[in-house]
Protein backbone atom coordinates (compact mmCIF):
# COMPACT_ATOMS: atom_id res chain seq x y z
CA MET A 1 7.62 18.00 24.10
CA LEU A 2 5.61 18.84 21.36
CA ARG A 3 7.53 22.14 20.87
CA HIS A 4 10.52 19.54 20.27
CA ILE A 5 8.24 17.01 18.20
CA LEU A 6 7.70 20.00 16.00
CA PRO A 7 10.54 21.24 15.42
CA ILE A 8 12.01 17.61 14.26
CA ALA A 9 8.76 16.88 12.02
CA ARG A 10 8.95 20.29 9.85
CA TYR A 11 12.96 19.47 9.59
CA THR A 12 11.84 15.80 7.99
CA LEU A 13 9.32 17.63 5.82
CA LEU A 14 12.32 19.77 4.53
CA GLU A 15 14.24 16.61 3.81
CA ALA A 16 11.67 15.51 1.40
CA ARG A 17 11.38 18.08 -0.02
CA ARG A 18 15.13 18.89 -0.69
CA ASN A 19 14.79 15.09 -1.97
CA ARG A 20 12.24 15.41 -4.70
CA LEU A 21 10.38 13.38 -2.98
CA LEU A 22 6.97 14.87 -4.17
CA MET A 23 8.05 15.79 -8.15
CA LEU A 24 8.94 11.77 -7.99
CA ALA A 25 5.60 10.74 -6.90
CA LEU A 26 4.39 13.75 -9.61
CA ILE A 27 6.43 11.63 -12.19
CA LEU A 28 5.91 8.20 -11.40
CA VAL A 29 1.63 9.55 -11.70
CA ALA A 30 2.63 11.04 -15.50
CA ALA A 31 4.08 7.62 -16.44
CA GLY A 32 1.57 5.94 -15.28
CA LEU A 33 -1.07 8.25 -16.73
CA ALA A 34 1.16 7.95 -20.17
CA PHE A 35 0.40 4.50 -19.46
CA THR A 36 -3.42 3.91 -19.18
CA GLN A 37 -3.96 6.51 -22.36
CA PHE A 38 -1.62 3.39 -24.35
CA LEU A 39 -4.12 0.97 -23.07
CA GLN A 40 -6.61 2.57 -23.92
CA GLN A 41 -6.11 2.57 -27.49
CA VAL A 42 -5.45 -1.20 -27.53
CA ALA A 43 -7.98 -2.38 -24.84
CA ILE A 44 -11.04 -3.60 -26.37
CA THR A 45 -13.66 -3.38 -24.06
CA GLU A 46 -13.41 -2.34 -20.32
CA SER A 47 -11.09 0.12 -21.33
CA ASN A 48 -12.05 2.71 -17.83
CA GLN A 49 -11.72 -0.86 -15.74
CA ILE A 50 -8.54 -2.04 -17.06
CA GLN A 51 -6.68 1.76 -16.89
CA ALA A 52 -8.07 2.10 -13.25
CA ALA A 53 -6.65 -1.38 -12.43
CA LEU A 54 -3.06 -0.94 -13.53
CA LEU A 55 -2.16 2.82 -12.87
CA ALA A 56 -3.80 1.94 -9.27
CA ALA A 57 -1.10 -1.05 -9.37
CA LEU A 58 1.68 1.14 -9.94
CA LEU A 59 0.70 3.76 -7.76
CA ARG A 60 0.43 1.72 -4.99
CA VAL A 61 3.42 -0.07 -5.59
CA GLY A 62 5.38 3.42 -6.51
CA ALA A 63 4.17 5.08 -3.15
CA VAL A 64 5.35 2.28 -1.04
CA PHE A 65 8.76 2.15 -2.88
CA MET A 66 9.82 5.77 -2.34
CA LEU A 67 8.69 6.18 1.19
CA ALA A 68 10.30 3.10 2.29
CA ALA A 69 13.75 4.02 0.43
CA PHE A 70 12.92 7.73 1.49
CA VAL A 71 12.66 6.61 5.79
CA VAL A 72 15.32 4.33 5.52
CA THR A 73 17.91 6.15 3.60
CA SER A 74 16.95 9.77 5.55
CA MET A 75 17.53 7.30 9.04
CA VAL A 76 20.96 6.18 7.98
CA ARG A 77 22.29 9.40 7.07
CA GLU A 78 21.14 10.54 10.23
CA PHE A 79 23.03 7.78 11.77
CA ASN A 80 26.14 8.30 9.73
CA ASP A 81 26.67 12.13 9.68
CA LYS A 82 26.47 11.61 13.64
CA VAL A 83 23.41 14.17 13.08
CA MET A 84 21.25 11.64 15.35
CA GLU A 85 23.81 11.88 18.53
CA LEU A 86 23.84 16.01 18.47
CA ILE A 87 20.67 16.14 18.75
CA LEU A 88 20.13 13.71 21.22
CA SER A 89 23.06 15.52 23.33
CA ARG A 90 20.55 18.06 23.64
CA PRO A 91 18.43 17.67 26.72
CA LEU A 92 15.89 15.85 24.54
CA ARG A 93 14.05 12.76 24.83
CA ARG A 94 14.54 9.82 23.03
CA SER A 95 10.60 9.68 22.73
CA SER A 96 10.43 12.77 21.56
CA TYR A 97 12.54 12.89 18.53
CA PHE A 98 11.16 9.44 17.50
CA LEU A 99 7.87 11.00 17.31
CA GLY A 100 9.10 14.48 15.62
CA LYS A 101 10.68 11.83 12.97
CA LEU A 102 7.51 9.43 12.72
CA ALA A 103 5.36 12.63 12.40
CA GLY A 104 7.46 13.69 9.62
CA TYR A 105 7.50 10.95 7.89
CA ALA A 106 3.41 10.44 8.02
CA ALA A 107 2.87 13.58 7.04
CA VAL A 108 5.02 12.57 3.84
CA ALA A 109 3.16 9.04 3.76
CA LEU A 110 -0.36 10.93 3.19
CA ALA A 111 0.80 13.22 0.99
CA LEU A 112 2.03 10.51 -1.20
CA ALA A 113 -1.34 8.68 -0.77
CA LEU A 114 -2.85 12.40 -1.65
CA ILE A 115 -1.12 12.14 -5.24
CA SER A 116 -1.38 8.58 -5.83
CA SER A 117 -5.27 8.85 -5.38
CA LEU A 118 -5.93 11.96 -7.27
CA PRO A 119 -5.55 10.62 -10.57
CA LEU A 120 -7.74 7.61 -10.36
CA ALA A 121 -10.84 9.66 -10.16
CA LEU A 122 -10.50 10.00 -14.03
CA PHE A 123 -11.12 6.33 -14.13
CA ALA A 124 -13.39 5.44 -10.68
CA PRO A 125 -16.35 7.18 -9.22
CA ALA A 126 -14.48 10.07 -6.26
CA ALA A 127 -16.43 7.95 -3.15
CA ARG A 128 -14.48 4.64 -4.41
CA VAL A 129 -10.96 6.52 -4.78
CA ALA A 130 -11.59 8.26 -1.27
CA LEU A 131 -12.03 5.17 0.45
CA TRP A 132 -9.36 3.06 -1.65
CA GLY A 133 -7.24 6.61 -1.29
CA LEU A 134 -7.97 6.13 2.49
CA SER A 135 -6.37 2.65 2.69
CA LEU A 136 -3.34 3.45 1.14
CA ALA A 137 -2.55 5.90 3.72
CA CYS A 138 -2.79 3.42 6.68
CA GLU A 139 -1.20 0.70 4.29
CA LEU A 140 1.98 3.73 4.01
CA LEU A 141 1.69 4.67 7.67
CA LEU A 142 2.49 0.96 8.56
CA VAL A 143 5.06 0.54 6.18
CA THR A 144 6.49 3.47 7.50
CA ALA A 145 6.32 2.58 11.02
CA PHE A 146 8.02 -0.51 10.07
CA ALA A 147 10.53 0.61 8.21
CA LEU A 148 11.42 3.00 11.19
CA PHE A 149 11.83 -0.16 13.75
CA CYS A 150 13.94 -1.85 11.15
CA VAL A 151 16.47 0.86 10.50
CA LEU A 152 16.73 1.87 13.89
CA SER A 153 16.86 -2.42 14.59
CA LEU A 154 19.35 -3.23 11.44
CA THR A 155 21.21 0.52 11.02
CA GLN A 156 21.92 0.00 6.89
CA VAL A 157 20.53 0.80 3.99
CA MET A 158 20.32 -2.45 2.43
CA SER A 159 19.55 -4.74 5.56
CA ALA A 160 16.69 -2.28 6.39
CA LEU A 161 15.58 -2.52 2.86
CA ALA A 162 14.98 -5.81 2.13
CA ALA A 163 13.25 -6.23 5.69
CA VAL A 164 11.16 -4.08 4.26
CA ALA A 165 10.28 -5.45 1.64
CA GLY A 166 10.32 -8.99 2.80
CA PHE A 167 7.50 -7.92 5.23
CA TYR A 168 5.66 -5.74 2.52
CA LEU A 169 5.84 -8.70 0.26
CA LEU A 170 4.87 -11.30 2.53
CA SER A 171 1.81 -9.30 4.18
CA ARG A 172 0.61 -8.60 0.11
CA SER A 173 0.81 -12.53 -0.34
CA ILE A 174 0.04 -14.31 2.93
CA GLY A 175 -3.52 -14.71 1.59
CA ALA A 176 -3.06 -16.22 -1.44
CA LEU A 177 -0.28 -18.94 0.73
CA GLN A 178 -3.12 -19.81 3.15
CA ILE A 179 -5.19 -20.68 -0.10
CA MET A 180 -2.90 -22.36 -1.64
CA ALA A 181 -1.90 -24.23 1.33
CA ALA A 182 -5.40 -25.27 2.39
CA ASN A 183 -5.89 -26.65 -1.25
CA PRO A 184 -3.08 -28.75 -1.97
CA LEU A 185 -2.82 -31.32 -5.58
CA SER A 186 -3.49 -34.49 -3.62
CA ASP A 187 -6.52 -35.41 -1.27
CA THR A 188 -4.65 -36.06 1.88
CA LEU A 189 -2.41 -34.05 3.77
CA SER A 190 0.82 -35.38 4.75
CA LEU A 191 2.93 -34.61 8.20
CA GLY A 192 4.82 -32.36 6.61
CA GLN A 193 2.11 -30.04 4.57
CA GLN A 194 0.26 -29.58 8.10
CA LEU A 195 3.29 -28.59 9.54
CA VAL A 196 3.81 -25.87 6.78
CA ASN A 197 -0.12 -24.88 7.35
CA SER A 198 0.71 -24.64 10.89
CA VAL A 199 3.46 -22.21 10.15
CA ILE A 200 1.49 -20.33 7.44
CA ASP A 201 -1.28 -19.85 9.46
CA ALA A 202 0.84 -18.58 12.59
CA ILE A 203 2.96 -16.35 10.04
CA ALA A 204 -0.46 -14.47 8.94
CA PHE A 205 -1.23 -14.32 11.98
CA LEU A 206 1.73 -12.17 13.08
CA LEU A 207 1.03 -10.51 10.29
CA PRO A 208 -1.28 -7.21 9.48
CA GLY A 209 -3.77 -8.15 6.52
CA LEU A 210 -2.25 -5.58 3.56
CA ASP A 211 -4.01 -8.35 0.96
CA ARG A 212 -7.34 -7.36 2.19
CA MET A 213 -6.03 -3.23 2.24
CA THR A 214 -6.20 -1.18 -0.99
CA GLN A 215 -7.60 -3.41 -2.86
CA THR A 216 -8.34 -2.44 -6.95
CA GLY A 217 -11.58 -4.10 -6.98
CA TRP A 218 -12.54 -1.20 -4.81
CA LEU A 219 -12.45 0.77 -7.66
CA ILE A 220 -13.99 -1.12 -10.22
CA TYR A 221 -16.46 -3.34 -9.05
CA ALA A 222 -17.68 -2.46 -5.50
CA ALA A 223 -16.81 0.05 -2.83
CA PRO A 224 -15.93 -1.42 0.74
CA THR A 225 -18.28 -1.84 3.59
CA ALA A 226 -18.14 0.83 7.06
CA ALA A 227 -17.66 -2.80 8.60
CA GLU A 228 -13.93 -3.39 6.52
CA ILE A 229 -13.36 0.96 6.78
CA VAL A 230 -13.24 -0.12 10.89
CA GLN A 231 -11.53 -3.64 10.73
CA LEU A 232 -8.97 -1.77 8.77
CA LEU A 233 -8.39 1.43 10.90
CA ALA A 234 -8.31 -0.45 13.72
CA GLN A 235 -5.57 -2.97 12.16
CA THR A 236 -3.50 0.27 11.58
CA ALA A 237 -3.69 1.13 15.00
CA ALA A 238 -3.17 -1.61 16.67
CA TYR A 239 0.23 -2.76 14.55
CA ALA A 240 1.35 1.08 13.83
CA LEU A 241 1.41 1.20 17.54
CA LEU A 242 2.78 -1.85 18.45
CA LEU A 243 5.72 -1.19 15.62
CA CYS A 244 6.40 2.17 17.22
CA GLY A 245 6.82 0.61 20.37
CA ALA A 246 9.02 -2.10 19.21
CA ALA A 247 11.01 1.25 17.62
CA LEU A 248 11.09 2.98 20.44
CA PHE A 249 12.08 0.55 22.85
CA ASP A 250 15.06 -0.30 20.64
CA LEU A 251 16.05 3.33 20.35
CA GLN A 252 15.71 3.33 24.28
CA ARG A 253 18.68 0.85 24.91
CA LYS A 254 20.63 1.81 22.39
CA ASN A 255 24.10 3.67 23.64
CA PHE A 256 25.59 6.90 21.36
């Protein structure tokens, strides 16, 4: 099984290199550093903290966008060019194909997390940057797994990208939505407001807590505790297994 997984993962990495994905990541880093240098000239106080916060936010969002776009467009291209059908026509398990693609995309995600983390060492302690980079790697792995699930189910670029964007934005903002729902302007909660609160809480229970991952405050104020890191890793493993299982189930039931 491993002899089938590794060539597919290697081909995926080769495709990332041909698409200049890592070059785009380096360009994003250079643009972010240039922007933070401009901020250094206009910031009156706490220039390092402002630079670290804005650069971290820019690199995190950029890495998520590039990774999701690469996963979706790469898989859709294989659908349209009948590459997947050609590969699966050989004596190869569909699970081997899926795990090979997942391994390749996961390697790309780890590379993006590393490239995004290194520049932050200029503005924050190395230990905090390392933990922030670990959290970003976990976040990108979840985006990879969800993007694979969406593209295998929807098989269209725009619909898959829209689903990934909705998943990411909702997971990132669900904590704020819960706070706003729990603290209305009026003192009394109507039946409709209680229903909305219940729906938001149910969605928050199902979604991963991306709002608690890769926090900018870890770079500026204090590093996350060991308990937070353990919770982060456990959440990543649980949701990644769930999403990969759903994507693999969808792939197994398809007719080619």
